[in-house]
N, C-alpha and C. Protein backbone atom coordinates (compact mmCIF):
# COMPACT_ATOMS: atom_id res chain seq x y z
N MET A 1 0.76 -1.16 0.06
CA MET A 1 0.07 -0.02 -0.03
C MET A 1 0.89 1.26 -0.02
N VAL A 2 0.56 2.05 -1.04
CA VAL A 2 1.32 3.33 -1.05
C VAL A 2 0.66 4.49 -0.14
N ARG A 3 1.64 5.40 0.21
CA ARG A 3 1.10 6.68 1.00
C ARG A 3 0.01 7.34 0.38
N GLU A 4 0.06 7.63 -0.91
CA GLU A 4 -1.13 8.21 -1.61
C GLU A 4 -2.40 7.62 -1.57
N GLU A 5 -2.35 6.33 -1.68
CA GLU A 5 -3.67 5.57 -1.36
C GLU A 5 -4.21 5.76 0.05
N VAL A 6 -3.28 5.66 1.06
CA VAL A 6 -3.68 5.82 2.41
C VAL A 6 -4.15 7.12 2.70
N PHE A 7 -3.61 8.17 2.02
CA PHE A 7 -4.04 9.54 2.22
C PHE A 7 -5.35 9.77 1.70
N VAL A 8 -5.78 9.25 0.60
CA VAL A 8 -6.98 9.50 -0.18
C VAL A 8 -8.19 8.90 0.82
N ARG A 9 -7.88 7.57 1.26
CA ARG A 9 -8.88 6.93 2.14
C ARG A 9 -8.90 7.72 3.60
N LEU A 10 -7.89 8.18 3.97
CA LEU A 10 -7.70 8.72 5.30
C LEU A 10 -8.47 10.20 5.30
N ASN A 11 -8.38 10.94 4.08
CA ASN A 11 -8.93 12.12 4.05
C ASN A 11 -10.55 11.95 3.92
N LYS A 12 -10.99 10.86 3.52
CA LYS A 12 -12.41 10.60 3.50
C LYS A 12 -12.79 10.25 4.97
N VAL A 13 -12.06 9.47 5.72
CA VAL A 13 -12.42 9.16 7.08
C VAL A 13 -12.44 10.53 7.97
N PHE A 14 -11.43 11.45 7.78
CA PHE A 14 -11.35 12.67 8.47
C PHE A 14 -12.67 13.58 7.98
N GLN A 15 -12.92 13.61 6.76
CA GLN A 15 -14.17 14.45 6.32
C GLN A 15 -15.40 13.88 7.07
N GLU A 16 -15.50 12.57 7.07
CA GLU A 16 -16.69 12.00 7.59
C GLU A 16 -16.79 12.11 9.11
N VAL A 17 -15.69 11.87 9.78
CA VAL A 17 -15.76 12.10 11.16
C VAL A 17 -16.05 13.31 11.74
N PHE A 18 -15.25 14.29 11.00
CA PHE A 18 -15.52 15.83 11.49
C PHE A 18 -16.66 16.61 10.73
N ASP A 19 -17.28 15.83 9.72
CA ASP A 19 -18.48 16.30 9.04
C ASP A 19 -18.07 17.61 8.25
N ASP A 20 -16.94 17.57 7.50
CA ASP A 20 -16.52 18.67 7.01
C ASP A 20 -15.53 18.16 5.66
N GLY A 21 -16.19 18.31 4.43
CA GLY A 21 -15.70 17.87 3.21
C GLY A 21 -14.50 18.52 2.69
N SER A 22 -14.15 19.84 3.24
CA SER A 22 -13.06 20.44 2.77
C SER A 22 -11.68 20.04 3.58
N ILE A 23 -11.75 19.08 4.51
CA ILE A 23 -10.54 18.78 5.23
C ILE A 23 -9.60 17.88 4.40
N VAL A 24 -8.48 18.22 4.42
CA VAL A 24 -7.36 17.60 3.63
C VAL A 24 -6.09 17.30 4.42
N VAL A 25 -5.94 16.27 4.88
CA VAL A 25 -4.82 16.15 5.89
C VAL A 25 -3.54 15.79 5.08
N SER A 26 -2.40 15.99 5.85
CA SER A 26 -0.92 15.89 5.23
C SER A 26 -0.08 15.39 6.38
N ASP A 27 1.16 14.97 6.19
CA ASP A 27 1.96 14.54 7.07
C ASP A 27 2.00 15.21 8.31
N GLY A 28 2.01 16.57 8.24
CA GLY A 28 2.17 17.41 9.35
C GLY A 28 0.98 17.81 10.11
N THR A 29 -0.13 17.28 9.51
CA THR A 29 -1.38 17.66 10.33
C THR A 29 -1.38 17.08 11.75
N THR A 30 -1.90 17.98 12.70
CA THR A 30 -2.09 17.50 13.96
C THR A 30 -3.49 18.01 14.36
N ALA A 31 -4.03 17.61 15.69
CA ALA A 31 -5.26 17.89 16.16
C ALA A 31 -5.40 19.50 16.21
N LYS A 32 -4.39 20.24 16.37
CA LYS A 32 -4.51 21.80 16.51
C LYS A 32 -4.97 22.22 15.11
N ASP A 33 -4.72 21.55 13.97
CA ASP A 33 -5.02 21.84 12.72
C ASP A 33 -6.59 21.56 12.29
N VAL A 34 -7.32 20.78 13.02
CA VAL A 34 -8.59 20.33 12.64
C VAL A 34 -9.56 20.72 13.68
N GLU A 35 -10.60 21.57 13.23
CA GLU A 35 -11.48 22.07 14.23
C GLU A 35 -12.34 20.89 14.87
N GLY A 36 -12.43 20.92 16.07
CA GLY A 36 -13.18 19.78 16.67
C GLY A 36 -12.50 18.65 17.04
N TRP A 37 -11.15 18.53 16.69
CA TRP A 37 -10.44 17.34 16.92
C TRP A 37 -10.04 17.42 18.47
N ASP A 38 -10.89 16.87 19.42
CA ASP A 38 -10.54 16.96 20.80
C ASP A 38 -10.21 15.49 21.22
N SER A 39 -10.05 15.30 22.32
CA SER A 39 -9.83 13.84 22.89
C SER A 39 -10.87 12.86 22.62
N LEU A 40 -12.13 13.29 22.67
CA LEU A 40 -13.28 12.50 22.53
C LEU A 40 -13.39 12.15 20.90
N MET A 41 -13.35 13.15 20.09
CA MET A 41 -13.30 12.81 18.68
C MET A 41 -12.09 11.91 18.22
N HIS A 42 -10.97 12.08 18.89
CA HIS A 42 -9.82 11.21 18.59
C HIS A 42 -10.01 9.74 18.75
N ILE A 43 -10.92 9.50 19.66
CA ILE A 43 -11.33 8.12 19.82
C ILE A 43 -12.28 7.56 18.67
N THR A 44 -13.20 8.51 18.19
CA THR A 44 -13.88 8.13 17.13
C THR A 44 -13.14 7.95 15.86
N LEU A 45 -12.22 8.90 15.75
CA LEU A 45 -11.23 8.93 14.53
C LEU A 45 -10.49 7.52 14.56
N ILE A 46 -9.85 7.38 15.48
CA ILE A 46 -9.09 6.10 15.63
C ILE A 46 -10.02 4.84 15.22
N SER A 47 -11.10 4.72 15.78
CA SER A 47 -12.06 3.72 15.59
C SER A 47 -12.37 3.57 14.07
N ASP A 48 -12.69 4.70 13.55
CA ASP A 48 -13.13 4.81 12.07
C ASP A 48 -11.89 4.42 11.15
N VAL A 49 -10.65 4.90 11.58
CA VAL A 49 -9.56 4.57 10.75
C VAL A 49 -9.14 3.07 10.91
N GLU A 50 -9.30 2.54 11.96
CA GLU A 50 -9.16 1.13 12.25
C GLU A 50 -10.23 0.30 11.26
N ASP A 51 -11.41 0.72 11.22
CA ASP A 51 -12.49 0.13 10.54
C ASP A 51 -12.19 0.30 8.98
N GLU A 52 -11.74 1.27 8.60
CA GLU A 52 -11.44 1.62 7.20
C GLU A 52 -10.37 0.70 6.58
N PHE A 53 -9.38 0.61 7.44
CA PHE A 53 -8.13 -0.24 7.04
C PHE A 53 -8.06 -1.61 7.52
N ASP A 54 -9.17 -2.01 8.29
CA ASP A 54 -9.15 -3.14 8.82
C ASP A 54 -7.94 -3.71 9.60
N ILE A 55 -7.59 -2.80 10.60
CA ILE A 55 -6.46 -3.07 11.44
C ILE A 55 -6.75 -2.53 12.84
N HIS A 56 -5.96 -2.87 13.65
CA HIS A 56 -5.95 -2.36 15.15
C HIS A 56 -4.69 -1.76 15.77
N PHE A 57 -4.88 -0.54 16.09
CA PHE A 57 -3.77 0.28 16.59
C PHE A 57 -3.38 -0.27 18.09
N PRO A 58 -2.18 -0.66 18.41
CA PRO A 58 -2.02 -0.93 19.79
C PRO A 58 -2.09 0.54 20.57
N MET A 59 -2.49 0.43 21.80
CA MET A 59 -2.87 1.69 22.39
C MET A 59 -1.41 2.46 22.60
N LYS A 60 -0.29 1.63 22.72
CA LYS A 60 0.94 2.48 22.98
C LYS A 60 1.27 3.16 21.83
N ASP A 61 0.89 2.83 20.50
CA ASP A 61 1.14 3.52 19.38
C ASP A 61 0.43 4.65 19.20
N VAL A 62 -0.96 4.54 19.55
CA VAL A 62 -1.87 5.60 19.41
C VAL A 62 -1.30 6.87 20.40
N ALA A 63 -0.95 6.42 21.47
CA ALA A 63 -0.37 7.56 22.40
C ALA A 63 0.89 8.20 22.01
N LYS A 64 1.68 7.49 20.93
CA LYS A 64 2.93 8.17 20.48
C LYS A 64 2.58 9.08 19.42
N MET A 65 1.52 8.78 18.54
CA MET A 65 1.38 9.51 17.27
C MET A 65 1.32 11.04 17.56
N GLN A 66 2.14 11.70 16.77
CA GLN A 66 2.20 13.32 17.12
C GLN A 66 1.53 13.85 15.86
N ASN A 67 1.30 13.20 14.64
CA ASN A 67 0.73 13.87 13.46
C ASN A 67 0.29 12.92 12.55
N VAL A 68 -0.34 13.16 11.71
CA VAL A 68 -1.04 12.29 10.54
C VAL A 68 -0.03 11.47 9.96
N GLY A 69 1.15 12.17 9.59
CA GLY A 69 2.18 11.31 9.00
C GLY A 69 2.75 10.00 9.74
N GLU A 70 2.74 10.28 11.22
CA GLU A 70 3.11 9.14 11.92
C GLU A 70 1.98 8.08 11.86
N MET A 71 0.58 8.67 11.76
CA MET A 71 -0.42 7.66 11.63
C MET A 71 -0.44 6.66 10.40
N VAL A 72 -0.14 7.54 9.26
CA VAL A 72 0.01 6.85 7.99
C VAL A 72 1.18 5.85 8.19
N ASP A 73 2.21 6.11 8.57
CA ASP A 73 3.32 5.25 8.68
C ASP A 73 2.76 3.99 9.31
N LYS A 74 2.04 4.14 10.52
CA LYS A 74 1.64 3.08 11.35
C LYS A 74 0.62 2.19 10.57
N ILE A 75 -0.28 2.87 9.77
CA ILE A 75 -1.36 2.28 8.93
C ILE A 75 -0.66 1.20 8.12
N ILE A 76 0.39 1.88 7.31
CA ILE A 76 1.19 1.18 6.23
C ILE A 76 1.67 -0.21 6.94
N GLU A 77 2.46 0.11 8.08
CA GLU A 77 3.11 -1.13 8.73
C GLU A 77 2.03 -2.02 9.18
N LEU A 78 0.82 -1.66 9.63
CA LEU A 78 -0.14 -2.83 10.08
C LEU A 78 -0.68 -3.47 8.99
N VAL A 79 -0.95 -2.74 7.98
CA VAL A 79 -1.62 -3.24 6.57
C VAL A 79 -0.73 -4.32 6.12
N GLU A 80 0.60 -4.09 6.10
CA GLU A 80 1.51 -4.97 5.36
C GLU A 80 1.87 -6.14 6.29
N TYR A 81 1.86 -5.86 7.58
CA TYR A 81 1.95 -6.97 8.49
C TYR A 81 0.86 -7.87 8.44
N SER A 82 -0.35 -7.37 8.26
CA SER A 82 -1.70 -8.20 8.19
C SER A 82 -1.64 -8.86 6.91
N ASN A 83 -1.26 -8.33 5.72
CA ASN A 83 -1.05 -9.02 4.50
C ASN A 83 -0.03 -10.14 4.39
N ASP A 84 0.91 -9.87 5.17
CA ASP A 84 2.08 -10.79 5.16
C ASP A 84 1.60 -12.22 5.86
N LYS A 85 0.79 -11.92 6.97
CA LYS A 85 0.16 -13.10 7.61
C LYS A 85 -0.84 -13.84 6.95
N GLN A 86 -1.27 -13.44 5.75
CA GLN A 86 -2.43 -14.15 4.93
C GLN A 86 -1.75 -15.16 4.07
């Protein structure tokens, strides 16, 4: 899975979760950049991302993520790991 594909799918998740079709995330996007991205919405976002990519983030990794780029890196890692197991 390539980063561009992840970003296309991730942008759709962000737009749906935050009910804002204008959201476009990038590597450097943080919660400060997205209106309404607070701790409660973060839980919803993580859950919807997990559903979209059919993965599960370990809680320690969720706590470490500083921006969307780190989320994308973890998504790619988890998807590739999942594919390798099949």
